[in-house]
C-alpha atoms as a PDB file:
ATOM      1  CA  MET A   1     -38.691   7.684 -66.275  1.00  0.00           C
ATOM      2  CA  ASN A   2     -37.675  10.519 -68.432  1.00  0.00           C
ATOM      3  CA  PRO A   3     -34.068  11.254 -68.215  1.00  0.00           C
ATOM      4  CA  LEU A   4     -34.093  14.866 -66.912  1.00  0.00           C
ATOM      5  CA  LEU A   5     -36.941  14.229 -64.397  1.00  0.00           C
ATOM      6  CA  SER A   6     -34.641  11.511 -63.076  1.00  0.00           C
ATOM      7  CA  ASN A   7     -31.738  13.647 -62.611  1.00  0.00           C
ATOM      8  CA  ILE A   8     -33.695  16.359 -60.926  1.00  0.00           C
ATOM      9  CA  ILE A   9     -34.652  13.788 -58.824  1.00  0.00           C
ATOM     10  CA  LEU A  10     -31.427  12.647 -58.015  1.00  0.00           C
ATOM     11  CA  SER A  11     -29.209  15.719 -58.266  1.00  0.00           C
ATOM     12  CA  ALA A  12     -32.587  16.812 -55.204  1.00  0.00           C
ATOM     13  CA  ALA A  13     -31.749  13.368 -53.895  1.00  0.00           C
ATOM     14  CA  ARG A  14     -28.234  14.052 -53.415  1.00  0.00           C
ATOM     15  CA  LYS A  15     -28.551  17.950 -51.831  1.00  0.00           C
ATOM     16  CA  THR A  16     -31.360  16.645 -49.419  1.00  0.00           C
ATOM     17  CA  SER A  17     -29.595  13.255 -48.487  1.00  0.00           C
ATOM     18  CA  GLY A  18     -25.648  13.811 -49.043  1.00  0.00           C
ATOM     19  CA  PRO A  19     -24.323  15.962 -46.579  1.00  0.00           C
ATOM     20  CA  LYS A  20     -25.984  15.091 -43.601  1.00  0.00           C
ATOM     21  CA  PRO A  21     -23.953  11.999 -43.380  1.00  0.00           C
ATOM     22  CA  ARG A  22     -21.290  14.460 -43.475  1.00  0.00           C
ATOM     23  CA  ARG A  23     -22.757  16.342 -40.994  1.00  0.00           C
ATOM     24  CA  GLU A  24     -22.663  13.643 -38.664  1.00  0.00           C
ATOM     25  CA  SER A  25     -20.050  12.507 -39.291  1.00  0.00           C
ATOM     26  CA  HIS A  26     -17.941  16.366 -38.615  1.00  0.00           C
ATOM     27  CA  TYR A  27     -19.588  16.127 -35.304  1.00  0.00           C
ATOM     28  CA  ARG A  28     -18.960  12.959 -34.332  1.00  0.00           C
ATOM     29  CA  ARG A  29     -15.557  13.508 -34.607  1.00  0.00           C
ATOM     30  CA  ASP A  30     -16.042  16.284 -32.698  1.00  0.00           C
ATOM     31  CA  ALA A  31     -18.128  15.129 -29.935  1.00  0.00           C
ATOM     32  CA  ARG A  32     -14.962  12.370 -29.701  1.00  0.00           C
ATOM     33  CA  GLN A  33     -11.892  14.498 -29.980  1.00  0.00           C
ATOM     34  CA  ARG A  34     -13.592  16.732 -27.645  1.00  0.00           C
ATOM     35  CA  TYR A  35     -14.108  14.019 -25.392  1.00  0.00           C
ATOM     36  CA  ARG A  36     -10.569  12.731 -25.818  1.00  0.00           C
ATOM     37  CA  ASN A  37      -9.295  16.244 -25.188  1.00  0.00           C
ATOM     38  CA  ARG A  38     -11.026  15.796 -21.787  1.00  0.00           C
ATOM     39  CA  ARG A  39     -10.223  12.631 -20.504  1.00  0.00           C
ATOM     40  CA  VAL A  40      -6.603  14.263 -21.306  1.00  0.00           C
ATOM     41  CA  ARG A  41      -6.760  17.268 -19.230  1.00  0.00           C
ATOM     42  CA  ILE A  42      -8.302  15.144 -16.234  1.00  0.00           C
ATOM     43  CA  ASN A  43      -5.951  12.323 -16.324  1.00  0.00           C
ATOM     44  CA  ALA A  44      -3.433  15.422 -16.391  1.00  0.00           C
ATOM     45  CA  VAL A  45      -4.922  17.366 -13.513  1.00  0.00           C
ATOM     46  CA  LYS A  46      -5.175  13.075 -11.574  1.00  0.00           C
ATOM     47  CA  ASP A  47      -1.146  13.010 -12.725  1.00  0.00           C
ATOM     48  CA  VAL A  48      -0.259  16.301 -11.007  1.00  0.00           C
ATOM     49  CA  VAL A  49      -2.340  15.852  -7.892  1.00  0.00           C
ATOM     50  CA  LEU A  50      -0.246  11.952  -7.311  1.00  0.00           C
ATOM     51  CA  LEU A  51       2.943  13.431  -7.893  1.00  0.00           C
ATOM     52  CA  GLY A  52       2.175  16.173  -5.842  1.00  0.00           C
ATOM     53  CA  ALA A  53       0.841  13.738  -2.696  1.00  0.00           C
ATOM     54  CA  GLY A  54       3.450  11.572  -3.973  1.00  0.00           C
ATOM     55  CA  ILE A  55       6.378  13.780  -2.224  1.00  0.00           C
ATOM     56  CA  LEU A  56       4.755  14.652   0.295  1.00  0.00           C
ATOM     57  CA  CYS A  57       4.222  11.506   1.504  1.00  0.00           C
ATOM     58  CA  ALA A  58       8.031  10.759   0.501  1.00  0.00           C
ATOM     59  CA  GLY A  59       9.140  13.335   2.295  1.00  0.00           C
ATOM     60  CA  PHE A  60       7.508  12.652   5.471  1.00  0.00           C
ATOM     61  CA  GLY A  61       8.818   9.256   5.094  1.00  0.00           C
ATOM     62  CA  LEU A  62      12.268  10.499   5.239  1.00  0.00           C
ATOM     63  CA  ARG A  63      12.007  13.511   7.284  1.00  0.00           C
ATOM     64  CA  GLY A  64       9.974  12.279   9.877  1.00  0.00           C
ATOM     65  CA  PHE A  65      11.687   9.227  10.886  1.00  0.00           C
ATOM     66  CA  LEU A  66      14.559   8.196   8.599  1.00  0.00           C
ATOM     67  CA  ILE A  67      16.775  11.052   8.402  1.00  0.00           C
ATOM     68  CA  PRO A  68      17.114  12.290  12.181  1.00  0.00           C
ATOM     69  CA  ASN A  69      17.987   8.549  13.413  1.00  0.00           C
ATOM     70  CA  HIS A  70      20.093   7.920  11.043  1.00  0.00           C
ATOM     71  CA  PHE A  71      18.214   5.024   8.973  1.00  0.00           C
ATOM     72  CA  ILE A  72      18.834   4.097   5.377  1.00  0.00           C
ATOM     73  CA  ASP A  73      16.265   2.149   2.961  1.00  0.00           C
ATOM     74  CA  GLY A  74      17.356   0.395   0.009  1.00  0.00           C
ATOM     75  CA  GLY A  75      17.368   1.897  -3.897  1.00  0.00           C
ATOM     76  CA  VAL A  76      18.288   4.458  -4.845  1.00  0.00           C
ATOM     77  CA  THR A  77      17.052   6.592  -1.442  1.00  0.00           C
ATOM     78  CA  GLY A  78      18.905   3.935   0.077  1.00  0.00           C
ATOM     79  CA  ILE A  79      22.821   4.777  -1.678  1.00  0.00           C
ATOM     80  CA  SER A  80      21.288   8.989  -1.692  1.00  0.00           C
ATOM     81  CA  LEU A  81      20.540   8.255   2.733  1.00  0.00           C
ATOM     82  CA  MET A  82      23.933   6.588   2.953  1.00  0.00           C
ATOM     83  CA  LEU A  83      26.175   9.139   0.675  1.00  0.00           C
ATOM     84  CA  GLU A  84      24.117  11.934   3.494  1.00  0.00           C
ATOM     85  CA  GLN A  85      25.882  10.472   6.150  1.00  0.00           C
ATOM     86  CA  LEU A  86      29.205   9.967   5.010  1.00  0.00           C
ATOM     87  CA  THR A  87      29.614  12.879   2.928  1.00  0.00           C
ATOM     88  CA  PRO A  88      29.176  16.752   3.736  1.00  0.00           C
ATOM     89  CA  TRP A  89      26.524  16.883   1.591  1.00  0.00           C
ATOM     90  CA  SER A  90      22.800  17.034   1.965  1.00  0.00           C
ATOM     91  CA  LEU A  91      19.955  14.745   0.915  1.00  0.00           C
ATOM     92  CA  SER A  92      18.844  16.775  -1.386  1.00  0.00           C
ATOM     93  CA  ILE A  93      21.839  17.649  -3.875  1.00  0.00           C
ATOM     94  CA  TRP A  94      22.265  13.204  -3.677  1.00  0.00           C
ATOM     95  CA  LEU A  95      18.813  12.695  -4.289  1.00  0.00           C
ATOM     96  CA  VAL A  96      19.274  14.728  -7.862  1.00  0.00           C
ATOM     97  CA  LEU A  97      23.123  13.414  -8.521  1.00  0.00           C
ATOM     98  CA  VAL A  98      22.714  10.037  -8.331  1.00  0.00           C
ATOM     99  CA  ASN A  99      19.350   9.618  -9.659  1.00  0.00           C
ATOM    100  CA  LEU A 100      20.242  11.325 -12.888  1.00  0.00           C
ATOM    101  CA  PRO A 101      21.444   8.812 -14.368  1.00  0.00           C
ATOM    102  CA  PHE A 102      18.859   6.506 -14.064  1.00  0.00           C
ATOM    103  CA  ILE A 103      16.266  10.254 -15.065  1.00  0.00           C
ATOM    104  CA  PHE A 104      18.474   9.306 -18.565  1.00  0.00           C
ATOM    105  CA  LEU A 105      18.276   5.712 -18.824  1.00  0.00           C
ATOM    106  CA  ALA A 106      14.056   6.535 -18.350  1.00  0.00           C
ATOM    107  CA  PHE A 107      14.346   9.308 -22.242  1.00  0.00           C
ATOM    108  CA  THR A 108      16.157   6.796 -23.647  1.00  0.00           C
ATOM    109  CA  GLN A 109      14.682   3.318 -23.174  1.00  0.00           C
ATOM    110  CA  VAL A 110      11.163   4.096 -21.481  1.00  0.00           C
ATOM    111  CA  SER A 111       9.295   7.259 -22.949  1.00  0.00           C
ATOM    112  CA  LYS A 112      10.470  11.451 -22.938  1.00  0.00           C
ATOM    113  CA  MET A 113       6.967  11.793 -20.995  1.00  0.00           C
ATOM    114  CA  PHE A 114       8.426   9.403 -18.059  1.00  0.00           C
ATOM    115  CA  ALA A 115      11.125  10.752 -17.677  1.00  0.00           C
ATOM    116  CA  LEU A 116       9.863  14.309 -17.547  1.00  0.00           C
ATOM    117  CA  LYS A 117       7.416  13.143 -14.483  1.00  0.00           C
ATOM    118  CA  THR A 118      10.159  11.793 -13.038  1.00  0.00           C
ATOM    119  CA  ALA A 119      12.762  14.653 -13.376  1.00  0.00           C
ATOM    120  CA  LEU A 120       9.661  16.542 -11.925  1.00  0.00           C
ATOM    121  CA  SER A 121       9.666  13.980  -8.901  1.00  0.00           C
ATOM    122  CA  ILE A 122      13.031  13.884  -7.784  1.00  0.00           C
ATOM    123  CA  ILE A 123      13.552  17.512  -8.271  1.00  0.00           C
ATOM    124  CA  GLY A 124      10.112  17.762  -6.341  1.00  0.00           C
ATOM    125  CA  LEU A 125      11.122  15.167  -3.870  1.00  0.00           C
ATOM    126  CA  ALA A 126      14.261  16.860  -2.950  1.00  0.00           C
ATOM    127  CA  ILE A 127      12.829  20.550  -2.663  1.00  0.00           C
ATOM    128  CA  CYS A 128      10.675  19.304  -0.440  1.00  0.00           C
ATOM    129  CA  VAL A 129      13.311  17.297   1.750  1.00  0.00           C
ATOM    130  CA  ALA A 130      14.755  20.513   2.075  1.00  0.00           C
ATOM    131  CA  VAL A 131      12.985  22.929   2.569  1.00  0.00           C
ATOM    132  CA  VAL A 132       9.639  21.091   4.459  1.00  0.00           C
ATOM    133  CA  ASN A 133      10.174  21.315   7.921  1.00  0.00           C
ATOM    134  CA  TYR A 134       8.319  18.083   9.413  1.00  0.00           C
ATOM    135  CA  PRO A 135       7.986  16.972  12.711  1.00  0.00           C
ATOM    136  CA  VAL A 136      10.741  14.223  14.145  1.00  0.00           C
ATOM    137  CA  MET A 137       8.641  11.408  15.024  1.00  0.00           C
ATOM    138  CA  THR A 138       9.642   9.318  16.998  1.00  0.00           C
ATOM    139  CA  GLN A 139      12.894   7.622  18.017  1.00  0.00           C
ATOM    140  CA  ASP A 140      11.625   4.066  18.675  1.00  0.00           C
ATOM    141  CA  LYS A 141      13.956   1.742  16.652  1.00  0.00           C
ATOM    142  CA  LEU A 142      11.622  -0.509  15.872  1.00  0.00           C
ATOM    143  CA  LEU A 143       8.787   2.301  14.788  1.00  0.00           C
ATOM    144  CA  ILE A 144      11.082   4.163  12.462  1.00  0.00           C
ATOM    145  CA  PRO A 145      12.057   1.573  10.039  1.00  0.00           C
ATOM    146  CA  VAL A 146       8.434   0.155  10.217  1.00  0.00           C
ATOM    147  CA  PHE A 147       6.406   3.686   9.338  1.00  0.00           C
ATOM    148  CA  GLY A 148       9.553   4.962   7.542  1.00  0.00           C
ATOM    149  CA  GLY A 149       8.936   2.185   5.407  1.00  0.00           C
ATOM    150  CA  PHE A 150       5.681   2.472   5.311  1.00  0.00           C
ATOM    151  CA  PHE A 151       5.529   6.226   3.878  1.00  0.00           C
ATOM    152  CA  LEU A 152       8.623   6.096   2.271  1.00  0.00           C
ATOM    153  CA  GLY A 153       6.489   2.795  -0.297  1.00  0.00           C
ATOM    154  CA  ALA A 154       3.463   5.133  -0.584  1.00  0.00           C
ATOM    155  CA  GLY A 155       5.348   8.660  -1.446  1.00  0.00           C
ATOM    156  CA  ILE A 156       6.704   6.015  -4.127  1.00  0.00           C
ATOM    157  CA  GLY A 157       3.466   4.135  -4.835  1.00  0.00           C
ATOM    158  CA  LEU A 158       1.271   7.152  -5.576  1.00  0.00           C
ATOM    159  CA  ALA A 159       4.124   9.092  -7.675  1.00  0.00           C
ATOM    160  CA  VAL A 160       4.212   5.718  -9.565  1.00  0.00           C
ATOM    161  CA  ARG A 161       0.218   6.017 -10.477  1.00  0.00           C
ATOM    162  CA  GLY A 162       0.840   9.560 -11.097  1.00  0.00           C
ATOM    163  CA  GLY A 163       3.743   7.993 -14.349  1.00  0.00           C
ATOM    164  CA  GLY A 164       6.303   9.039 -12.499  1.00  0.00           C
ATOM    165  CA  VAL A 165       9.270   7.641  -9.915  1.00  0.00           C
ATOM    166  CA  LEU A 166      10.688   8.982  -6.732  1.00  0.00           C
ATOM    167  CA  ASP A 167      12.948   6.177  -7.248  1.00  0.00           C
ATOM    168  CA  GLY A 168      15.611   4.529 -10.178  1.00  0.00           C
ATOM    169  CA  THR A 169      15.741   1.302  -9.188  1.00  0.00           C
ATOM    170  CA  GLU A 170      13.340   0.225 -11.471  1.00  0.00           C
ATOM    171  CA  VAL A 171      14.555   2.534 -14.484  1.00  0.00           C
ATOM    172  CA  LEU A 172      17.628   0.006 -14.333  1.00  0.00           C
ATOM    173  CA  ALA A 173      16.202  -2.184 -13.775  1.00  0.00           C
ATOM    174  CA  ILE A 174      14.329  -2.466 -16.793  1.00  0.00           C
ATOM    175  CA  PHE A 175      17.043  -1.443 -18.375  1.00  0.00           C
ATOM    176  CA  LEU A 176      19.097  -4.469 -17.440  1.00  0.00           C
ATOM    177  CA  SER A 177      16.686  -7.198 -18.159  1.00  0.00           C
ATOM    178  CA  LYS A 178      16.986  -6.281 -22.012  1.00  0.00           C
ATOM    179  CA  LYS A 179      20.796  -6.494 -21.746  1.00  0.00           C
ATOM    180  CA  THR A 180      20.670  -9.784 -19.738  1.00  0.00           C
ATOM    181  CA  ASN A 181      19.071 -12.971 -19.011  1.00  0.00           C
ATOM    182  CA  LEU A 182      17.881 -11.336 -15.668  1.00  0.00           C
ATOM    183  CA  SER A 183      14.454 -10.680 -15.320  1.00  0.00           C
ATOM    184  CA  ILE A 184      13.288  -7.350 -13.306  1.00  0.00           C
ATOM    185  CA  GLY A 185      12.394  -8.967  -9.676  1.00  0.00           C
ATOM    186  CA  ASP A 186      15.991 -10.471  -9.491  1.00  0.00           C
ATOM    187  CA  ILE A 187      18.181  -7.279 -10.576  1.00  0.00           C
ATOM    188  CA  ILE A 188      16.304  -5.379  -7.894  1.00  0.00           C
ATOM    189  CA  LEU A 189      16.392  -7.826  -5.246  1.00  0.00           C
ATOM    190  CA  LEU A 190      20.424  -8.109  -6.278  1.00  0.00           C
ATOM    191  CA  PHE A 191      20.756  -4.392  -6.826  1.00  0.00           C
ATOM    192  CA  ASN A 192      19.308  -4.307  -2.611  1.00  0.00           C
ATOM    193  CA  ILE A 193      21.441  -6.875  -1.453  1.00  0.00           C
ATOM    194  CA  ALA A 194      25.312  -4.614  -2.680  1.00  0.00           C
ATOM    195  CA  ILE A 195      23.456  -1.981  -1.049  1.00  0.00           C
ATOM    196  CA  PHE A 196      22.650  -3.670   2.557  1.00  0.00           C
ATOM    197  CA  ILE A 197      26.268  -5.183   2.101  1.00  0.00           C
ATOM    198  CA  ALA A 198      27.577  -2.023   1.223  1.00  0.00           C
ATOM    199  CA  ALA A 199      25.543  -0.907   4.439  1.00  0.00           C
ATOM    200  CA  ASN A 200      26.634  -3.313   6.872  1.00  0.00           C
ATOM    201  CA  PHE A 201      30.523  -2.613   6.050  1.00  0.00           C
ATOM    202  CA  LEU A 202      29.630   1.022   5.936  1.00  0.00           C
ATOM    203  CA  LEU A 203      26.884   2.038   8.220  1.00  0.00           C
ATOM    204  CA  GLY A 204      27.383  -1.099  10.832  1.00  0.00           C
ATOM    205  CA  THR A 205      25.914  -4.154  11.429  1.00  0.00           C
ATOM    206  CA  ASN A 206      22.817  -2.651  12.916  1.00  0.00           C
ATOM    207  CA  ILE A 207      21.579   0.075  10.137  1.00  0.00           C
ATOM    208  CA  ALA A 208      21.682  -2.647   7.743  1.00  0.00           C
ATOM    209  CA  LEU A 209      19.158  -5.171   9.147  1.00  0.00           C
ATOM    210  CA  TYR A 210      16.338  -2.238  10.316  1.00  0.00           C
ATOM    211  CA  ALA A 211      17.266  -0.823   6.453  1.00  0.00           C
ATOM    212  CA  ILE A 212      16.428  -4.248   5.300  1.00  0.00           C
ATOM    213  CA  ILE A 213      13.389  -4.121   7.630  1.00  0.00           C
ATOM    214  CA  THR A 214      12.174  -0.668   6.267  1.00  0.00           C
ATOM    215  CA  TYR A 215      12.767  -1.745   2.429  1.00  0.00           C
ATOM    216  CA  PHE A 216      10.468  -4.737   3.280  1.00  0.00           C
ATOM    217  CA  VAL A 217       7.746  -2.465   4.192  1.00  0.00           C
ATOM    218  CA  ALA A 218       7.971   0.049   1.444  1.00  0.00           C
ATOM    219  CA  SER A 219       7.683  -2.771  -0.968  1.00  0.00           C
ATOM    220  CA  LYS A 220       4.455  -3.912   0.821  1.00  0.00           C
ATOM    221  CA  THR A 221       3.383  -0.308   1.104  1.00  0.00           C
ATOM    222  CA  VAL A 222       3.942   0.426  -2.863  1.00  0.00           C
ATOM    223  CA  ASP A 223       2.446  -3.110  -3.905  1.00  0.00           C
ATOM    224  CA  PHE A 224      -0.534  -1.728  -1.841  1.00  0.00           C
ATOM    225  CA  ILE A 225      -0.315   0.581  -3.791  1.00  0.00           C
ATOM    226  CA  ILE A 226       0.023   0.350  -7.116  1.00  0.00           C
ATOM    227  CA  GLU A 227      -2.585  -3.142  -6.976  1.00  0.00           C
ATOM    228  CA  GLY A 228      -5.218  -1.673  -3.652  1.00  0.00           C
ATOM    229  CA  ILE A 229      -6.223  -4.765  -1.331  1.00  0.00           C
ATOM    230  CA  ASP A 230      -8.843  -4.920  -4.097  1.00  0.00           C
ATOM    231  CA  GLU A 231      -6.506  -6.993  -6.424  1.00  0.00           C
ATOM    232  CA  TYR A 232      -8.665  -9.524  -9.378  1.00  0.00           C
ATOM    233  CA  THR A 233      -7.589 -13.289  -9.703  1.00  0.00           C
ATOM    234  CA  GLY A 234      -8.471 -14.654 -13.459  1.00  0.00           C
ATOM    235  CA  VAL A 235     -10.278 -17.965 -12.899  1.00  0.00           C
ATOM    236  CA  THR A 236     -10.741 -20.901 -15.690  1.00  0.00           C
ATOM    237  CA  ILE A 237     -13.104 -23.230 -15.273  1.00  0.00           C
ATOM    238  CA  ILE A 238     -12.900 -26.234 -17.352  1.00  0.00           C
ATOM    239  CA  SER A 239     -16.103 -28.493 -15.911  1.00  0.00           C
ATOM    240  CA  ARG A 240     -18.914 -30.998 -17.698  1.00  0.00           C
ATOM    241  CA  ARG A 241     -21.444 -28.999 -15.708  1.00  0.00           C
ATOM    242  CA  SER A 242     -20.457 -25.694 -16.528  1.00  0.00           C
ATOM    243  CA  GLU A 243     -23.999 -24.073 -17.930  1.00  0.00           C
ATOM    244  CA  GLU A 244     -24.532 -25.246 -14.096  1.00  0.00           C
ATOM    245  CA  ILE A 245     -21.080 -23.214 -12.183  1.00  0.00           C
ATOM    246  CA  SER A 246     -22.023 -20.070 -14.854  1.00  0.00           C
ATOM    247  CA  HIS A 247     -24.947 -20.134 -13.940  1.00  0.00           C
ATOM    248  CA  TRP A 248     -24.061 -19.709 -10.501  1.00  0.00           C
ATOM    249  CA  ILE A 249     -21.472 -17.023 -10.800  1.00  0.00           C
ATOM    250  CA  THR A 250     -23.391 -14.634 -12.328  1.00  0.00           C
ATOM    251  CA  GLY A 251     -26.380 -15.347 -10.619  1.00  0.00           C
ATOM    252  CA  THR A 252     -25.835 -15.286  -7.420  1.00  0.00           C
ATOM    253  CA  LEU A 253     -21.926 -14.502  -7.151  1.00  0.00           C
ATOM    254  CA  GLY A 254     -22.661 -11.139  -9.747  1.00  0.00           C
ATOM    255  CA  ALA A 255     -19.762 -12.049 -12.007  1.00  0.00           C
ATOM    256  CA  GLY A 256     -19.014 -11.327 -15.482  1.00  0.00           C
ATOM    257  CA  ILE A 257     -17.676 -14.523 -17.606  1.00  0.00           C
ATOM    258  CA  THR A 258     -16.738 -15.511 -20.965  1.00  0.00           C
ATOM    259  CA  VAL A 259     -17.645 -18.879 -22.419  1.00  0.00           C
ATOM    260  CA  TYR A 260     -14.906 -20.035 -25.032  1.00  0.00           C
ATOM    261  CA  ARG A 261     -15.393 -22.989 -27.195  1.00  0.00           C
ATOM    262  CA  GLY A 262     -12.561 -25.670 -26.800  1.00  0.00           C
ATOM    263  CA  VAL A 263     -11.874 -29.706 -26.814  1.00  0.00           C
ATOM    264  CA  ARG A 264     -10.998 -31.757 -24.272  1.00  0.00           C
ATOM    265  CA  GLY A 265      -7.985 -34.057 -24.392  1.00  0.00           C
ATOM    266  CA  PHE A 266      -6.198 -36.811 -22.621  1.00  0.00           C
ATOM    267  CA  GLY A 267      -7.091 -36.745 -18.988  1.00  0.00           C
ATOM    268  CA  LYS A 268      -7.626 -38.969 -15.713  1.00  0.00           C
ATOM    269  CA  SER A 269     -10.055 -40.398 -18.387  1.00  0.00           C
ATOM    270  CA  GLY A 270      -7.216 -41.132 -20.787  1.00  0.00           C
ATOM    271  CA  HIS A 271      -8.273 -39.717 -24.480  1.00  0.00           C
ATOM    272  CA  VAL A 272     -11.595 -37.718 -24.901  1.00  0.00           C
ATOM    273  CA  ALA A 273     -12.186 -35.759 -28.149  1.00  0.00           C
ATOM    274  CA  HIS A 274     -15.364 -34.078 -27.754  1.00  0.00           C
ATOM    275  CA  ASP A 275     -16.738 -30.160 -27.225  1.00  0.00           C
ATOM    276  CA  THR A 276     -16.748 -28.816 -24.108  1.00  0.00           C
ATOM    277  CA  ASN A 277     -17.361 -25.012 -22.882  1.00  0.00           C
ATOM    278  CA  ILE A 278     -14.025 -23.106 -20.976  1.00  0.00           C
ATOM    279  CA  LEU A 279     -15.284 -20.904 -18.525  1.00  0.00           C
ATOM    280  CA  TYR A 280     -13.669 -17.558 -17.743  1.00  0.00           C
ATOM    281  CA  THR A 281     -13.956 -14.961 -15.110  1.00  0.00           C
ATOM    282  CA  VAL A 282     -12.483 -12.221 -13.139  1.00  0.00           C
ATOM    283  CA  ILE A 283     -13.046 -11.859  -9.688  1.00  0.00           C
ATOM    284  CA  THR A 284     -11.251 -10.212  -6.296  1.00  0.00           C
ATOM    285  CA  ARG A 285      -9.139 -12.631  -4.052  1.00  0.00           C
ATOM    286  CA  LEU A 286     -11.298 -12.508  -1.336  1.00  0.00           C
ATOM    287  CA  GLU A 287     -14.255 -13.939  -3.175  1.00  0.00           C
ATOM    288  CA  VAL A 288     -11.547 -17.324  -4.424  1.00  0.00           C
ATOM    289  CA  SER A 289     -12.226 -19.339  -1.952  1.00  0.00           C
ATOM    290  CA  ARG A 290     -16.413 -18.637  -2.237  1.00  0.00           C
ATOM    291  CA  LEU A 291     -16.273 -19.111  -5.961  1.00  0.00           C
ATOM    292  CA  LYS A 292     -13.368 -22.467  -5.439  1.00  0.00           C
ATOM    293  CA  ALA A 293     -16.542 -24.287  -2.745  1.00  0.00           C
ATOM    294  CA  GLU A 294     -19.134 -23.637  -4.974  1.00  0.00           C
ATOM    295  CA  ILE A 295     -17.266 -25.358  -8.144  1.00  0.00           C
ATOM    296  CA  LYS A 296     -16.155 -28.429  -5.717  1.00  0.00           C
ATOM    297  CA  ALA A 297     -20.087 -28.944  -4.931  1.00  0.00           C
ATOM    298  CA  ILE A 298     -20.850 -28.696  -8.661  1.00  0.00           C
ATOM    299  CA  ASP A 299     -18.901 -30.877  -9.855  1.00  0.00           C
ATOM    300  CA  PRO A 300     -15.882 -32.139  -7.850  1.00  0.00           C
ATOM    301  CA  ARG A 301     -13.777 -33.345 -10.926  1.00  0.00           C
ATOM    302  CA  ALA A 302     -13.798 -29.565 -12.187  1.00  0.00           C
ATOM    303  CA  PHE A 303     -10.080 -28.647 -13.663  1.00  0.00           C
ATOM    304  CA  ILE A 304      -9.685 -25.292 -12.152  1.00  0.00           C
ATOM    305  CA  ILE A 305      -6.132 -22.873 -13.225  1.00  0.00           C
ATOM    306  CA  MET A 306      -5.771 -19.467 -11.539  1.00  0.00           C
ATOM    307  CA  ASN A 307      -3.961 -16.392 -12.115  1.00  0.00           C
ATOM    308  CA  ALA A 308      -3.194 -13.068 -10.383  1.00  0.00           C
ATOM    309  CA  VAL A 309      -4.737 -10.048 -12.202  1.00  0.00           C
ATOM    310  CA  ILE A 310      -2.919  -7.042 -11.705  1.00  0.00           C
ATOM    311  CA  ASP A 311      -5.764  -4.564 -13.324  1.00  0.00           C
ATOM    312  CA  ALA A 312      -8.606  -4.881 -14.954  1.00  0.00           C
ATOM    313  CA  LYS A 313     -10.598  -2.427 -16.960  1.00  0.00           C
ATOM    314  CA  GLY A 314     -13.805  -2.817 -19.194  1.00  0.00           C
ATOM    315  CA  GLY A 315     -16.150  -5.073 -19.556  1.00  0.00           C
ATOM    316  CA  MET A 316     -18.287  -6.359 -16.973  1.00  0.00           C
ATOM    317  CA  ILE A 317     -16.310  -7.213 -13.592  1.00  0.00           C
ATOM    318  CA  ARG A 318     -19.772  -6.959 -11.242  1.00  0.00           C
ATOM    319  CA  LYS A 319     -22.961  -6.785 -12.394  1.00  0.00           C
ATOM    320  CA  LYS A 320     -24.915  -5.193  -9.556  1.00  0.00           C
ATOM    321  CA  ALA A 321     -23.550  -1.586 -11.313  1.00  0.00           C
ATOM    322  CA  ILE A 322     -25.968  -2.433 -14.334  1.00  0.00           C
ATOM    323  CA  LYS A 323     -28.600  -3.940 -12.512  1.00  0.00           C
ATOM    324  CA  LYS A 324     -31.326  -1.535 -12.481  1.00  0.00           C
ATOM    325  CA  LEU A 325     -30.796  -1.390 -16.813  1.00  0.00           C
ATOM    326  CA  GLN A 326     -31.322  -4.761 -16.624  1.00  0.00           C
ATOM    327  CA  LYS A 327     -34.755  -6.814 -16.507  1.00  0.00           C
ATOM    328  CA  PRO A 328     -35.350  -8.679 -13.343  1.00  0.00           C
ATOM    329  CA  ASP A 329     -35.265 -12.078 -15.835  1.00  0.00           C
ATOM    330  CA  ALA A 330     -32.654 -10.703 -17.845  1.00  0.00           C
ATOM    331  CA  PRO A 331     -29.276 -13.277 -17.131  1.00  0.00           C
ATOM    332  CA  GLY A 332     -26.079 -11.489 -16.509  1.00  0.00           C
ATOM    333  CA  ARG A 333     -23.382 -11.533 -19.365  1.00  0.00           C
ATOM    334  CA  ARG A 334     -20.279  -9.734 -20.043  1.00  0.00           C
END
């Protein structure tokens, strides 16, 4: 071909086809950035709403139940309640002062944003306790720790969902767990035992015992708010009839599965070295018994491992949400 004609054709091709991928790539980046900014704004609004709801709920638990009846809780909030009864200073002041070291720990050990949200949440709770006039709900000594702990725990859980905390105990536990061999749960337990022992000597045995009830109810409520009733369970299944089990999980149970290729090792039949399919699925704890019963019916010798899953995002947990997009005879896949 004539070199001049070749250059003309190549130049025309570059002009027509060259810039388009760059424009498409530019548009794609802009769209991705706009989506990211939109998600950031939505998450920021959601965090503010959750933190505000947590402050109001915790304030109701304190002012409506615990403070009027001179009850305390565990954690840093329990220390503040105890100091409020032993000194002339109000609870609002003690909430801020006692939590100051833990806010500093959050700044150095977790992140600046987490420390900022925590500081604003604690200050908001202090203002709420001082300003909002909650009604006194009851003077029954059994209802006070139960419902006081419930609303206080709900407030703490909502604040955690919003990216902050209303009580610095967890921050201290994270810091100490890095310096010692104790787990976070062990540190929180020991910390609260020390508070209850101090309350027994300073405020009386009855107050200390009621504080244990308050703490137990609050901690369970926090778990419920953070994890929810629809807690997930990860199930690993090793079976010679894995194909039949996987069809039941996707077809009848409506859950997604992941299939791993594995090699059988040493078991009841001795050393067996052949390939096998390992199934993994994530279901709710309400479906565990149904799954176990069906696996036992299909293969009584199947090996099942279960572990708790706090949360699951992405992938396919449920097939019902995309059922309309699939053909009637299309198998469910994850």
